[in-house]
């Protein structure tokens, strides 16, 4: 690596880290004033404040990282142009592609790190701060962390459900094992689904097997369209308190979508979220490419206030476009693949057009 490349990357890295710290601090401050009433109302200890906001930092970093990359490119290249360092580089025979290549390279590495952050760190953090707010601060019962292959026990009965999906009033693939004091089967129910109605669960398309309580042998088997299931839980016990995509990894979203498809249910929402997990890390690279032409065009008037304003406007434009397209995907107006990737493609083409329109 040349001295020039080290200098360029050093400046870019410092601005990105400073931008991340600033955006994260502002985000935490706003969130603190929005949440402090909940903590004060329930006389929460200081440790719960620290745990809640500490667990939220990975999610915040994930959301503001592309904006910090855009800020880094904008202020690095714009600053070099304003001080005529960029002119000196080009006068020395170094073209613009060679100047920006290190920045694009590190933006790609940031994108990879962004995916790893979303896959392994953010879901755990979201589950943690949800648990702190719901259980430790508000004192509500803990939600079930898993959404598929759930096992739970209530008195002398064991329950299993294949998955809950997003509609927690419907459980899919429900099995009920009623046992006696010697842990022998008394009754077994296998229902295609269980629906919560009028404060009780109703099983549909069910197979029922009854066993002799002393020998454990099967004495009766029949099918029924509908049967009562004595499940001492409500839909709230299966419901998460935050948006599902943030607390699920790509692998979990993929598994749930496959199970829904196998059961013949609508899985478009999970497919949109699954592809969004892949599309989101690419945003850092797109923001880096967008920052190049904007920095060069505004170089003579570059300053911190202008840089922040331009970056926020670009970030808001991307966020609004992405959110709208994803909403269309949820509503099945657009195919899931198109809804998740369209914003990336639109802004990538825009950045390519602006770069090609920039004069050497």
Protein backbone atom coordinates (compact mmCIF):
# COMPACT_ATOMS: atom_id res chain seq x y z
CA UNK A 1 0.00 0.00 0.00
CA UNK A 2 1.41 3.40 -1.01
CA UNK A 3 1.74 6.43 1.27
CA UNK A 4 -1.04 8.14 -0.70
CA UNK A 5 -3.41 5.20 -0.21
CA UNK A 6 -2.66 5.07 3.52
CA UNK A 7 -3.30 8.80 3.80
CA UNK A 8 -6.57 8.53 1.87
CA UNK A 9 -7.84 5.53 3.82
CA UNK A 10 -6.75 7.03 7.13
CA UNK A 11 -8.74 10.19 6.48
CA UNK A 12 -11.75 8.22 5.23
CA UNK A 13 -11.68 5.85 8.24
CA UNK A 14 -11.46 8.68 10.77
CA UNK A 15 -14.47 10.45 9.25
CA UNK A 16 -16.49 7.21 9.11
CA UNK A 17 -15.74 6.39 12.76
CA UNK A 18 -16.52 9.96 13.85
CA UNK A 19 -19.76 9.92 11.84
CA UNK A 20 -20.79 6.56 13.30
CA UNK A 21 -20.14 7.82 16.82
CA UNK A 22 -22.07 11.04 16.20
CA UNK A 23 -25.07 9.37 14.54
CA UNK A 24 -25.16 6.67 17.20
CA UNK A 25 -24.98 9.24 20.00
CA UNK A 26 -27.82 11.33 18.54
CA UNK A 27 -29.92 8.18 17.97
CA UNK A 28 -29.37 7.02 21.57
CA UNK A 29 -30.19 10.46 22.95
CA UNK A 30 -33.47 10.66 21.04
CA UNK A 31 -34.36 7.08 21.97
CA UNK A 32 -33.51 7.76 25.62
CA UNK A 33 -35.99 10.64 25.87
CA UNK A 34 -38.57 8.49 24.09
CA UNK A 35 -38.13 5.55 26.48
CA UNK A 36 -37.22 7.18 29.79
CA UNK A 37 -40.87 7.44 30.88
CA UNK A 38 -41.18 3.64 30.76
CA UNK A 39 -38.13 3.21 32.97
CA UNK A 40 -39.22 5.89 35.47
CA UNK A 41 -42.79 4.60 35.61
CA UNK A 42 -41.58 1.14 36.67
CA UNK A 43 -38.71 2.36 38.92
CA UNK A 44 -36.13 0.55 36.82
CA UNK A 45 -32.58 0.21 38.11
CA UNK A 46 -29.66 1.95 36.43
CA UNK A 47 -28.30 -1.40 35.20
CA UNK A 48 -31.46 -1.90 33.11
CA UNK A 49 -30.91 1.46 31.41
CA UNK A 50 -27.36 0.46 30.52
CA UNK A 51 -28.34 -3.03 29.38
CA UNK A 52 -31.22 -1.81 27.23
CA UNK A 53 -29.33 0.92 25.38
CA UNK A 54 -26.13 -1.15 25.21
CA UNK A 55 -28.03 -4.00 23.52
CA UNK A 56 -29.53 -1.51 21.06
CA UNK A 57 -26.17 -0.21 19.81
CA UNK A 58 -25.64 -3.01 17.20
CA UNK A 59 -29.04 -2.26 15.63
CA UNK A 60 -28.27 1.47 15.57
CA UNK A 61 -24.85 0.86 13.98
CA UNK A 62 -26.48 -1.31 11.33
CA UNK A 63 -28.99 1.40 10.45
CA UNK A 64 -26.56 4.36 10.29
CA UNK A 65 -23.52 2.58 8.79
CA UNK A 66 -24.38 3.37 5.12
CA UNK A 67 -24.95 7.02 6.04
CA UNK A 68 -21.56 7.13 7.78
CA UNK A 69 -19.89 5.67 4.66
CA UNK A 70 -21.57 8.32 2.51
CA UNK A 71 -20.38 11.01 4.91
CA UNK A 72 -16.86 9.58 4.82
CA UNK A 73 -16.63 9.65 1.02
CA UNK A 74 -18.28 13.05 0.73
CA UNK A 75 -16.05 14.82 3.26
CA UNK A 76 -12.84 12.98 2.31
CA UNK A 77 -12.94 13.69 -1.42
CA UNK A 78 -14.60 17.06 -0.96
CA UNK A 79 -12.00 18.09 1.59
CA UNK A 80 -9.15 16.98 -0.66
CA UNK A 81 -10.63 18.93 -3.55
CA UNK A 82 -11.13 22.08 -1.47
CA UNK A 83 -7.50 22.05 -0.28
CA UNK A 84 -6.31 21.30 -3.84
CA UNK A 85 -4.84 17.96 -2.73
CA UNK A 86 -7.03 16.21 -5.28
CA UNK A 87 -5.74 18.56 -7.98
CA UNK A 88 -2.15 17.81 -6.97
CA UNK A 89 -2.79 14.06 -7.16
CA UNK A 90 -4.25 14.34 -10.66
CA UNK A 91 -1.44 16.64 -11.76
CA UNK A 92 0.97 13.93 -10.65
CA UNK A 93 -0.61 11.49 -13.08
CA UNK A 94 -3.00 9.79 -10.67
CA UNK A 95 -6.45 9.51 -12.23
CA UNK A 96 -9.75 9.64 -10.39
CA UNK A 97 -10.37 5.85 -10.68
CA UNK A 98 -7.07 5.15 -8.93
CA UNK A 99 -7.87 7.69 -6.21
CA UNK A 100 -11.31 6.27 -5.38
CA UNK A 101 -10.44 2.57 -5.73
CA UNK A 102 -9.16 2.21 -2.12
CA UNK A 103 -12.30 3.87 -0.81
CA UNK A 104 -14.53 1.57 -2.86
CA UNK A 105 -12.51 -1.41 -1.64
CA UNK A 106 -12.95 -0.56 2.02
CA UNK A 107 -16.66 0.14 1.39
CA UNK A 108 -16.95 -3.44 0.11
CA UNK A 109 -15.29 -4.73 3.28
CA UNK A 110 -17.67 -2.62 5.36
CA UNK A 111 -20.57 -4.21 3.45
CA UNK A 112 -19.32 -7.70 4.35
CA UNK A 113 -18.96 -6.65 7.97
CA UNK A 114 -22.46 -5.17 7.79
CA UNK A 115 -23.90 -8.53 6.74
CA UNK A 116 -22.07 -10.33 9.57
CA UNK A 117 -23.35 -7.74 12.03
CA UNK A 118 -26.94 -8.25 10.86
CA UNK A 119 -26.62 -12.02 10.83
CA UNK A 120 -24.98 -12.70 14.20
CA UNK A 121 -25.03 -9.62 16.44
CA UNK A 122 -28.16 -7.56 15.70
CA UNK A 123 -30.74 -10.37 16.25
CA UNK A 124 -29.24 -11.19 19.66
CA UNK A 125 -29.22 -7.50 20.61
CA UNK A 126 -32.83 -6.97 19.52
CA UNK A 127 -33.99 -10.00 21.50
CA UNK A 128 -32.05 -8.75 24.54
CA UNK A 129 -33.43 -5.20 24.65
CA UNK A 130 -36.95 -6.50 23.91
CA UNK A 131 -36.60 -8.84 26.88
CA UNK A 132 -35.32 -6.06 29.14
CA UNK A 133 -38.18 -3.70 28.26
CA UNK A 134 -40.95 -6.30 28.29
CA UNK A 135 -39.95 -8.57 31.16
CA UNK A 136 -37.49 -6.77 33.44
CA UNK A 137 -38.91 -3.24 33.16
CA UNK A 138 -42.64 -3.72 32.51
CA UNK A 139 -42.90 -7.07 34.29
CA UNK A 140 -44.78 -8.84 31.48
CA UNK A 141 -44.36 -12.56 30.83
CA UNK A 142 -41.46 -13.51 28.59
CA UNK A 143 -42.28 -14.24 24.96
CA UNK A 144 -41.17 -17.47 23.39
CA UNK A 145 -37.87 -16.82 21.63
CA UNK A 146 -38.27 -19.51 19.00
CA UNK A 147 -40.85 -19.35 16.23
CA UNK A 148 -40.46 -22.88 14.96
CA UNK A 149 -40.16 -26.34 16.48
CA UNK A 150 -41.56 -25.13 19.84
CA UNK A 151 -41.85 -27.45 22.85
CA UNK A 152 -43.55 -26.40 26.09
CA UNK A 153 -45.24 -28.08 29.05
CA UNK A 154 -48.36 -27.25 31.04
CA UNK A 155 -49.08 -29.49 34.03
CA UNK A 156 -49.42 -33.08 32.73
CA UNK A 157 -49.48 -32.15 29.04
CA UNK A 158 -46.68 -31.58 26.51
CA UNK A 159 -47.23 -29.35 23.48
CA UNK A 160 -45.32 -29.03 20.22
CA UNK A 161 -45.91 -26.72 17.28
CA UNK A 162 -44.01 -26.64 14.01
CA UNK A 163 -44.05 -22.84 13.72
CA UNK A 164 -46.09 -19.77 14.63
CA UNK A 165 -45.38 -17.48 11.68
CA UNK A 166 -46.32 -13.80 11.94
CA UNK A 167 -49.98 -14.44 12.82
CA UNK A 168 -49.69 -15.56 16.44
CA UNK A 169 -53.38 -16.38 16.69
CA UNK A 170 -52.71 -19.40 14.48
CA UNK A 171 -50.28 -22.20 15.37
CA UNK A 172 -49.32 -24.63 12.61
CA UNK A 173 -48.63 -28.32 13.05
CA UNK A 174 -49.77 -28.70 16.68
CA UNK A 175 -49.18 -31.90 18.67
CA UNK A 176 -50.61 -32.50 22.17
CA UNK A 177 -49.32 -35.28 24.45
CA UNK A 178 -51.40 -35.85 27.59
CA UNK A 179 -49.56 -38.05 30.11
CA UNK A 180 -50.53 -39.79 33.35
CA UNK A 181 -48.57 -39.85 36.62
CA UNK A 182 -46.34 -42.65 35.24
CA UNK A 183 -45.56 -40.60 32.09
CA UNK A 184 -47.61 -42.95 29.92
CA UNK A 185 -49.71 -41.60 27.08
CA UNK A 186 -53.36 -41.01 27.80
CA UNK A 187 -54.22 -39.00 24.73
CA UNK A 188 -52.49 -37.69 21.62
CA UNK A 189 -53.80 -34.98 19.29
CA UNK A 190 -52.20 -33.97 16.00
CA UNK A 191 -53.88 -30.93 14.43
CA UNK A 192 -53.02 -29.23 11.16
CA UNK A 193 -53.46 -25.89 12.89
CA UNK A 194 -54.82 -24.40 16.12
CA UNK A 195 -56.74 -21.09 16.07
CA UNK A 196 -57.33 -18.85 19.09
CA UNK A 197 -61.01 -17.92 19.33
CA UNK A 198 -63.06 -16.71 22.31
CA UNK A 199 -60.24 -17.20 24.82
CA UNK A 200 -59.60 -20.82 23.80
CA UNK A 201 -57.71 -22.77 21.16
CA UNK A 202 -59.50 -24.82 18.52
CA UNK A 203 -57.68 -27.55 16.61
CA UNK A 204 -58.64 -28.22 12.97
CA UNK A 205 -58.18 -31.31 10.79
CA UNK A 206 -57.09 -33.32 13.84
CA UNK A 207 -56.06 -36.92 14.42
CA UNK A 208 -56.92 -38.15 17.95
CA UNK A 209 -55.50 -41.25 19.62
CA UNK A 210 -56.58 -42.49 23.06
CA UNK A 211 -54.53 -44.95 25.11
CA UNK A 212 -55.20 -47.32 27.99
CA UNK A 213 -53.93 -45.53 31.14
CA UNK A 214 -52.53 -48.74 32.64
CA UNK A 215 -50.98 -50.55 29.66
CA UNK A 216 -50.37 -47.60 27.38
CA UNK A 217 -51.85 -49.49 24.43
CA UNK A 218 -53.88 -47.74 21.76
CA UNK A 219 -57.60 -48.27 22.31
CA UNK A 220 -59.17 -45.70 19.98
CA UNK A 221 -58.23 -43.57 16.97
CA UNK A 222 -60.38 -41.17 14.99
CA UNK A 223 -60.26 -37.96 12.94
CA UNK A 224 -62.28 -34.82 13.51
CA UNK A 225 -62.64 -31.51 11.73
CA UNK A 226 -62.54 -29.53 14.98
CA UNK A 227 -61.52 -30.19 18.58
CA UNK A 228 -60.86 -28.16 21.74
CA UNK A 229 -57.19 -27.90 22.75
CA UNK A 230 -56.57 -27.10 26.40
CA UNK A 231 -53.59 -24.78 25.89
CA UNK A 232 -53.00 -22.40 28.78
CA UNK A 233 -51.44 -19.67 26.63
CA UNK A 234 -52.66 -16.64 24.67
CA UNK A 235 -51.41 -15.23 21.35
CA UNK A 236 -49.45 -12.61 23.34
CA UNK A 237 -47.22 -15.41 24.64
CA UNK A 238 -46.11 -16.11 21.06
CA UNK A 239 -45.91 -12.52 19.90
CA UNK A 240 -42.66 -10.61 19.55
CA UNK A 241 -42.56 -6.93 20.58
CA UNK A 242 -40.48 -5.67 17.64
CA UNK A 243 -40.38 -5.94 13.89
CA UNK A 244 -39.53 -9.54 13.06
CA UNK A 245 -36.87 -8.99 10.41
CA UNK A 246 -34.63 -7.24 12.94
CA UNK A 247 -34.60 -10.14 15.38
CA UNK A 248 -34.24 -12.91 12.81
CA UNK A 249 -31.13 -13.81 10.87
CA UNK A 250 -31.06 -14.63 7.16
CA UNK A 251 -30.86 -18.36 7.97
CA UNK A 252 -33.90 -18.18 10.28
CA UNK A 253 -35.94 -16.23 7.74
CA UNK A 254 -35.02 -18.79 5.06
CA UNK A 255 -36.07 -21.72 7.26
CA UNK A 256 -39.39 -20.12 8.19
CA UNK A 257 -40.21 -19.26 4.57
CA UNK A 258 -39.47 -22.84 3.54
CA UNK A 259 -41.74 -24.24 6.24
CA UNK A 260 -44.56 -21.89 5.26
CA UNK A 261 -44.19 -22.89 1.62
CA UNK A 262 -44.16 -26.56 2.56
CA UNK A 263 -47.38 -26.07 4.51
CA UNK A 264 -48.97 -24.29 1.55
CA UNK A 265 -49.10 -20.91 3.32
CA UNK A 266 -48.18 -17.43 2.12
CA UNK A 267 -44.46 -16.82 2.75
CA UNK A 268 -43.98 -13.66 0.66
CA UNK A 269 -43.30 -11.41 3.69
CA UNK A 270 -40.48 -13.65 4.88
CA UNK A 271 -38.99 -13.90 1.39
CA UNK A 272 -38.96 -10.08 1.16
CA UNK A 273 -37.23 -9.85 4.55
CA UNK A 274 -34.81 -12.63 3.59
CA UNK A 275 -33.68 -10.87 0.42
CA UNK A 276 -33.55 -7.55 2.26
CA UNK A 277 -30.95 -9.10 4.57
CA UNK A 278 -28.77 -9.67 1.49
CA UNK A 279 -29.56 -6.33 -0.13
CA UNK A 280 -28.91 -4.16 2.91
CA UNK A 281 -25.11 -4.64 3.14
CA UNK A 282 -24.79 -3.53 -0.50
CA UNK A 283 -26.11 -0.10 0.52
CA UNK A 284 -22.72 0.87 1.98
CA UNK A 285 -21.08 0.40 -1.44
CA UNK A 286 -23.90 2.30 -3.17
CA UNK A 287 -23.59 5.20 -0.74
CA UNK A 288 -19.83 5.29 -1.37
CA UNK A 289 -20.42 5.49 -5.13
CA UNK A 290 -23.07 8.17 -4.69
CA UNK A 291 -20.74 10.24 -2.53
CA UNK A 292 -18.06 10.52 -5.24
CA UNK A 293 -19.89 12.73 -7.79
CA UNK A 294 -21.64 14.78 -5.10
CA UNK A 295 -18.32 15.51 -3.37
CA UNK A 296 -16.63 16.59 -6.60
CA UNK A 297 -19.53 18.76 -7.76
CA UNK A 298 -19.83 20.58 -4.45
CA UNK A 299 -16.12 20.70 -3.64
CA UNK A 300 -15.66 24.47 -3.74
CA UNK A 301 -18.33 25.08 -1.13
CA UNK A 302 -17.68 21.96 0.97
CA UNK A 303 -18.17 22.30 4.72
CA UNK A 304 -19.40 20.13 7.55
CA UNK A 305 -22.93 21.56 7.61
CA UNK A 306 -23.40 21.11 3.88
CA UNK A 307 -21.93 17.62 4.00
CA UNK A 308 -24.31 16.53 6.75
CA UNK A 309 -27.30 18.08 4.94
CA UNK A 310 -26.52 16.45 1.59
CA UNK A 311 -25.83 13.05 3.20
CA UNK A 312 -29.05 13.14 5.21
CA UNK A 313 -31.10 14.08 2.13
CA UNK A 314 -29.57 11.24 0.09
CA UNK A 315 -30.06 8.81 2.98
CA UNK A 316 -33.69 9.86 3.43
CA UNK A 317 -34.36 9.50 -0.29
CA UNK A 318 -32.97 5.97 -0.24
CA UNK A 319 -34.83 5.04 2.97
CA UNK A 320 -38.19 6.29 1.65
CA UNK A 321 -37.69 4.48 -1.66
CA UNK A 322 -36.62 1.24 0.03
CA UNK A 323 -39.44 1.32 2.61
CA UNK A 324 -42.06 1.97 -0.07
CA UNK A 325 -40.86 -0.88 -2.28
CA UNK A 326 -40.68 -3.31 0.66
CA UNK A 327 -44.23 -2.33 1.66
CA UNK A 328 -45.31 -3.14 -1.92
CA UNK A 329 -43.59 -6.51 -1.49
CA UNK A 330 -45.47 -7.21 1.75
CA UNK A 331 -48.74 -6.33 0.01
CA UNK A 332 -47.75 -8.60 -2.92
CA UNK A 333 -47.99 -5.70 -5.36
CA UNK A 334 -44.37 -6.42 -6.33
CA UNK A 335 -42.58 -9.79 -6.41
CA UNK A 336 -40.48 -10.31 -3.23
CA UNK A 337 -37.17 -10.34 -5.10
CA UNK A 338 -37.94 -7.08 -6.91
CA UNK A 339 -39.25 -5.39 -3.75
CA UNK A 340 -36.08 -6.20 -1.80
CA UNK A 341 -33.52 -5.32 -4.47
CA UNK A 342 -35.17 -2.55 -6.51
CA UNK A 343 -33.98 0.33 -4.32
CA UNK A 344 -30.38 -0.93 -4.51
CA UNK A 345 -30.58 -1.24 -8.30
CA UNK A 346 -32.16 2.21 -8.75
CA UNK A 347 -29.56 4.03 -6.66
CA UNK A 348 -26.72 1.95 -8.09
CA UNK A 349 -27.73 3.01 -11.61
CA UNK A 350 -28.08 6.60 -10.42
CA UNK A 351 -24.58 6.56 -8.93
CA UNK A 352 -23.16 5.07 -12.15
CA UNK A 353 -24.84 7.79 -14.20
CA UNK A 354 -23.54 10.58 -11.96
CA UNK A 355 -20.01 9.16 -11.94
CA UNK A 356 -19.95 8.86 -15.73
CA UNK A 357 -21.23 12.44 -15.96
CA UNK A 358 -18.44 13.74 -13.73
CA UNK A 359 -15.60 15.41 -15.54
CA UNK A 360 -12.09 14.14 -15.08
